Amino acid sequence: VVAATTQSRNVSVARNELYQATETMVSAHNSNVHTIAVASGARVAVSVSGGGTAIKVIDLERKCVLRQLSRGTTTNMVPTLSLSADGALCVCVSESGTLHCYWTGDVP
């Protein structure tokens, strides 16, 4: 079971594997986090803040931001954010209707 929540500028992901619960919190953004997606393996997550211009790729085991993906310079809410099961592909849709696809890189 994986649950992701936003807490101001931090990304918080809680996992429960074989009755062992863990929580990861990473400071990722300069403004409040708006949307989070977690790969089904739960090793990688992506998040976007309310401004919607930058998507952060987060390593949940090392508790750090791996890289930043740019969605553009125009601020816009991003209510839809998704990751492939292996975390290598990220897709987002902004409220203006633009669709962005990213190769997140070789995820550890």
C-alpha atoms as a PDB file:
ATOM      1  CA  VAL A   1       0.000   0.000   0.000  1.00  0.00           C
ATOM      2  CA  VAL A   2       1.360   3.418  -0.936  1.00  0.00           C
ATOM      3  CA  ALA A   3      -0.149   6.729   0.134  1.00  0.00           C
ATOM      4  CA  ALA A   4       1.157  10.126  -0.941  1.00  0.00           C
ATOM      5  CA  THR A   5       0.283  13.420   0.685  1.00  0.00           C
ATOM      6  CA  THR A   6       1.387  17.008   0.366  1.00  0.00           C
ATOM      7  CA  GLN A   7       2.598  18.942   3.351  1.00  0.00           C
ATOM      8  CA  SER A   8       3.545  22.516   2.465  1.00  0.00           C
ATOM      9  CA  ARG A   9       6.751  22.317   0.382  1.00  0.00           C
ATOM     10  CA  ASN A  10       7.562  18.720   1.322  1.00  0.00           C
ATOM     11  CA  VAL A  11       6.614  15.488  -0.399  1.00  0.00           C
ATOM     12  CA  SER A  12       5.574  12.784   2.047  1.00  0.00           C
ATOM     13  CA  VAL A  13       5.100   9.166   0.938  1.00  0.00           C
ATOM     14  CA  ALA A  14       4.041   6.403   3.315  1.00  0.00           C
ATOM     15  CA  ARG A  15       4.538   2.733   2.400  1.00  0.00           C
ATOM     16  CA  ASN A  16       3.405  -0.461   4.056  1.00  0.00           C
ATOM     17  CA  GLU A  17       5.212  -3.546   2.802  1.00  0.00           C
ATOM     18  CA  LEU A  18       4.846  -6.858   4.601  1.00  0.00           C
ATOM     19  CA  TYR A  19       3.609  -5.188   7.757  1.00  0.00           C
ATOM     20  CA  GLN A  20       6.554  -2.812   7.870  1.00  0.00           C
ATOM     21  CA  ALA A  21       5.466   0.813   7.583  1.00  0.00           C
ATOM     22  CA  THR A  22       7.889   3.489   6.420  1.00  0.00           C
ATOM     23  CA  GLU A  23       7.507   7.171   5.663  1.00  0.00           C
ATOM     24  CA  THR A  24       9.682   9.340   3.428  1.00  0.00           C
ATOM     25  CA  MET A  25       9.660  13.125   3.536  1.00  0.00           C
ATOM     26  CA  VAL A  26      11.652  15.192   1.030  1.00  0.00           C
ATOM     27  CA  SER A  27      11.847  18.973   0.759  1.00  0.00           C
ATOM     28  CA  ALA A  28      11.298  19.448  -2.968  1.00  0.00           C
ATOM     29  CA  HIS A  29       9.627  22.758  -3.840  1.00  0.00           C
ATOM     30  CA  ASN A  30       9.731  26.473  -3.025  1.00  0.00           C
ATOM     31  CA  SER A  31       5.920  26.645  -2.868  1.00  0.00           C
ATOM     32  CA  ASN A  32       3.192  24.246  -1.751  1.00  0.00           C
ATOM     33  CA  VAL A  33       3.069  20.856  -3.451  1.00  0.00           C
ATOM     34  CA  HIS A  34      -0.076  20.401  -5.529  1.00  0.00           C
ATOM     35  CA  THR A  35       0.120  16.931  -7.136  1.00  0.00           C
ATOM     36  CA  ILE A  36       2.132  13.759  -6.458  1.00  0.00           C
ATOM     37  CA  ALA A  37       2.458  10.496  -8.387  1.00  0.00           C
ATOM     38  CA  VAL A  38       4.281   7.382  -7.152  1.00  0.00           C
ATOM     39  CA  ALA A  39       5.622   4.548  -9.308  1.00  0.00           C
ATOM     40  CA  SER A  40       4.032   1.229  -8.368  1.00  0.00           C
ATOM     41  CA  GLY A  41       7.422  -0.042  -7.206  1.00  0.00           C
ATOM     42  CA  ALA A  42       7.374   3.003  -4.863  1.00  0.00           C
ATOM     43  CA  ARG A  43      11.081   3.712  -5.414  1.00  0.00           C
ATOM     44  CA  VAL A  44      10.442   6.926  -7.367  1.00  0.00           C
ATOM     45  CA  ALA A  45       7.849   9.690  -7.111  1.00  0.00           C
ATOM     46  CA  VAL A  46       7.193  12.897  -9.041  1.00  0.00           C
ATOM     47  CA  SER A  47       5.648  16.064  -7.679  1.00  0.00           C
ATOM     48  CA  VAL A  48       4.590  19.460  -8.956  1.00  0.00           C
ATOM     49  CA  SER A  49       3.915  22.612  -6.971  1.00  0.00           C
ATOM     50  CA  GLY A  50       1.002  25.021  -7.369  1.00  0.00           C
ATOM     51  CA  GLY A  51       2.885  27.065  -9.974  1.00  0.00           C
ATOM     52  CA  GLY A  52       3.173  24.006 -12.189  1.00  0.00           C
ATOM     53  CA  THR A  53       6.360  25.009 -14.000  1.00  0.00           C
ATOM     54  CA  ALA A  54       8.686  22.366 -12.530  1.00  0.00           C
ATOM     55  CA  ILE A  55       8.200  18.658 -11.906  1.00  0.00           C
ATOM     56  CA  LYS A  56      10.590  17.098  -9.396  1.00  0.00           C
ATOM     57  CA  VAL A  57      11.703  13.455  -9.730  1.00  0.00           C
ATOM     58  CA  ILE A  58      12.307  12.101  -6.214  1.00  0.00           C
ATOM     59  CA  ASP A  59      14.268   9.046  -5.111  1.00  0.00           C
ATOM     60  CA  LEU A  60      12.283   7.750  -2.131  1.00  0.00           C
ATOM     61  CA  GLU A  61      15.051   5.511  -0.822  1.00  0.00           C
ATOM     62  CA  ARG A  62      17.839   8.101  -0.896  1.00  0.00           C
ATOM     63  CA  LYS A  63      15.342  10.844   0.093  1.00  0.00           C
ATOM     64  CA  CYS A  64      16.513  13.348  -2.496  1.00  0.00           C
ATOM     65  CA  VAL A  65      15.447  15.108  -5.688  1.00  0.00           C
ATOM     66  CA  LEU A  66      17.070  13.296  -8.630  1.00  0.00           C
ATOM     67  CA  ARG A  67      16.231  15.877 -11.273  1.00  0.00           C
ATOM     68  CA  GLN A  68      13.857  18.636 -12.279  1.00  0.00           C
ATOM     69  CA  LEU A  69      11.694  18.535 -15.409  1.00  0.00           C
ATOM     70  CA  SER A  70      10.553  21.843 -16.896  1.00  0.00           C
ATOM     71  CA  ARG A  71       6.909  22.190 -17.953  1.00  0.00           C
ATOM     72  CA  GLY A  72       7.420  25.746 -19.233  1.00  0.00           C
ATOM     73  CA  THR A  73       7.484  29.255 -17.807  1.00  0.00           C
ATOM     74  CA  THR A  74       3.749  29.993 -17.671  1.00  0.00           C
ATOM     75  CA  THR A  75       2.269  29.142 -14.283  1.00  0.00           C
ATOM     76  CA  ASN A  76      -0.625  26.726 -14.469  1.00  0.00           C
ATOM     77  CA  MET A  77      -2.095  24.121 -12.125  1.00  0.00           C
ATOM     78  CA  VAL A  78      -1.233  20.517 -12.992  1.00  0.00           C
ATOM     79  CA  PRO A  79      -4.030  18.337 -11.618  1.00  0.00           C
ATOM     80  CA  THR A  80      -2.990  15.218 -13.571  1.00  0.00           C
ATOM     81  CA  LEU A  81       0.434  13.685 -13.036  1.00  0.00           C
ATOM     82  CA  SER A  82       1.333  10.051 -13.677  1.00  0.00           C
ATOM     83  CA  LEU A  83       4.360   7.749 -13.705  1.00  0.00           C
ATOM     84  CA  SER A  84       4.947   4.484 -15.518  1.00  0.00           C
ATOM     85  CA  ALA A  85       5.346   1.415 -13.293  1.00  0.00           C
ATOM     86  CA  ASP A  86       9.144   1.559 -13.580  1.00  0.00           C
ATOM     87  CA  GLY A  87       9.247   5.335 -13.052  1.00  0.00           C
ATOM     88  CA  ALA A  88      11.002   6.015 -16.369  1.00  0.00           C
ATOM     89  CA  LEU A  89       8.122   7.924 -18.014  1.00  0.00           C
ATOM     90  CA  CYS A  90       6.105  10.818 -16.610  1.00  0.00           C
ATOM     91  CA  VAL A  91       2.980  12.380 -18.124  1.00  0.00           C
ATOM     92  CA  CYS A  92       1.162  15.489 -16.940  1.00  0.00           C
ATOM     93  CA  VAL A  93      -1.799  17.544 -18.103  1.00  0.00           C
ATOM     94  CA  SER A  94      -2.216  21.172 -17.039  1.00  0.00           C
ATOM     95  CA  GLU A  95      -5.489  23.026 -16.536  1.00  0.00           C
ATOM     96  CA  SER A  96      -4.905  24.763 -19.885  1.00  0.00           C
ATOM     97  CA  GLY A  97      -5.145  21.315 -21.498  1.00  0.00           C
ATOM     98  CA  THR A  98      -1.505  20.924 -22.509  1.00  0.00           C
ATOM     99  CA  LEU A  99      -0.078  17.411 -22.352  1.00  0.00           C
ATOM    100  CA  HIS A 100       3.582  16.866 -21.539  1.00  0.00           C
ATOM    101  CA  CYS A 101       5.505  13.573 -21.710  1.00  0.00           C
ATOM    102  CA  TYR A 102       8.941  13.196 -20.110  1.00  0.00           C
ATOM    103  CA  TRP A 103      11.672  10.628 -19.948  1.00  0.00           C
ATOM    104  CA  THR A 104      12.602  10.897 -16.295  1.00  0.00           C
ATOM    105  CA  GLY A 105      15.973   9.334 -16.937  1.00  0.00           C
ATOM    106  CA  ASP A 106      17.484   6.108 -15.820  1.00  0.00           C
ATOM    107  CA  VAL A 107      15.892   5.615 -12.437  1.00  0.00           C
ATOM    108  CA  PRO A 108      18.030   3.807  -9.904  1.00  0.00           C
END
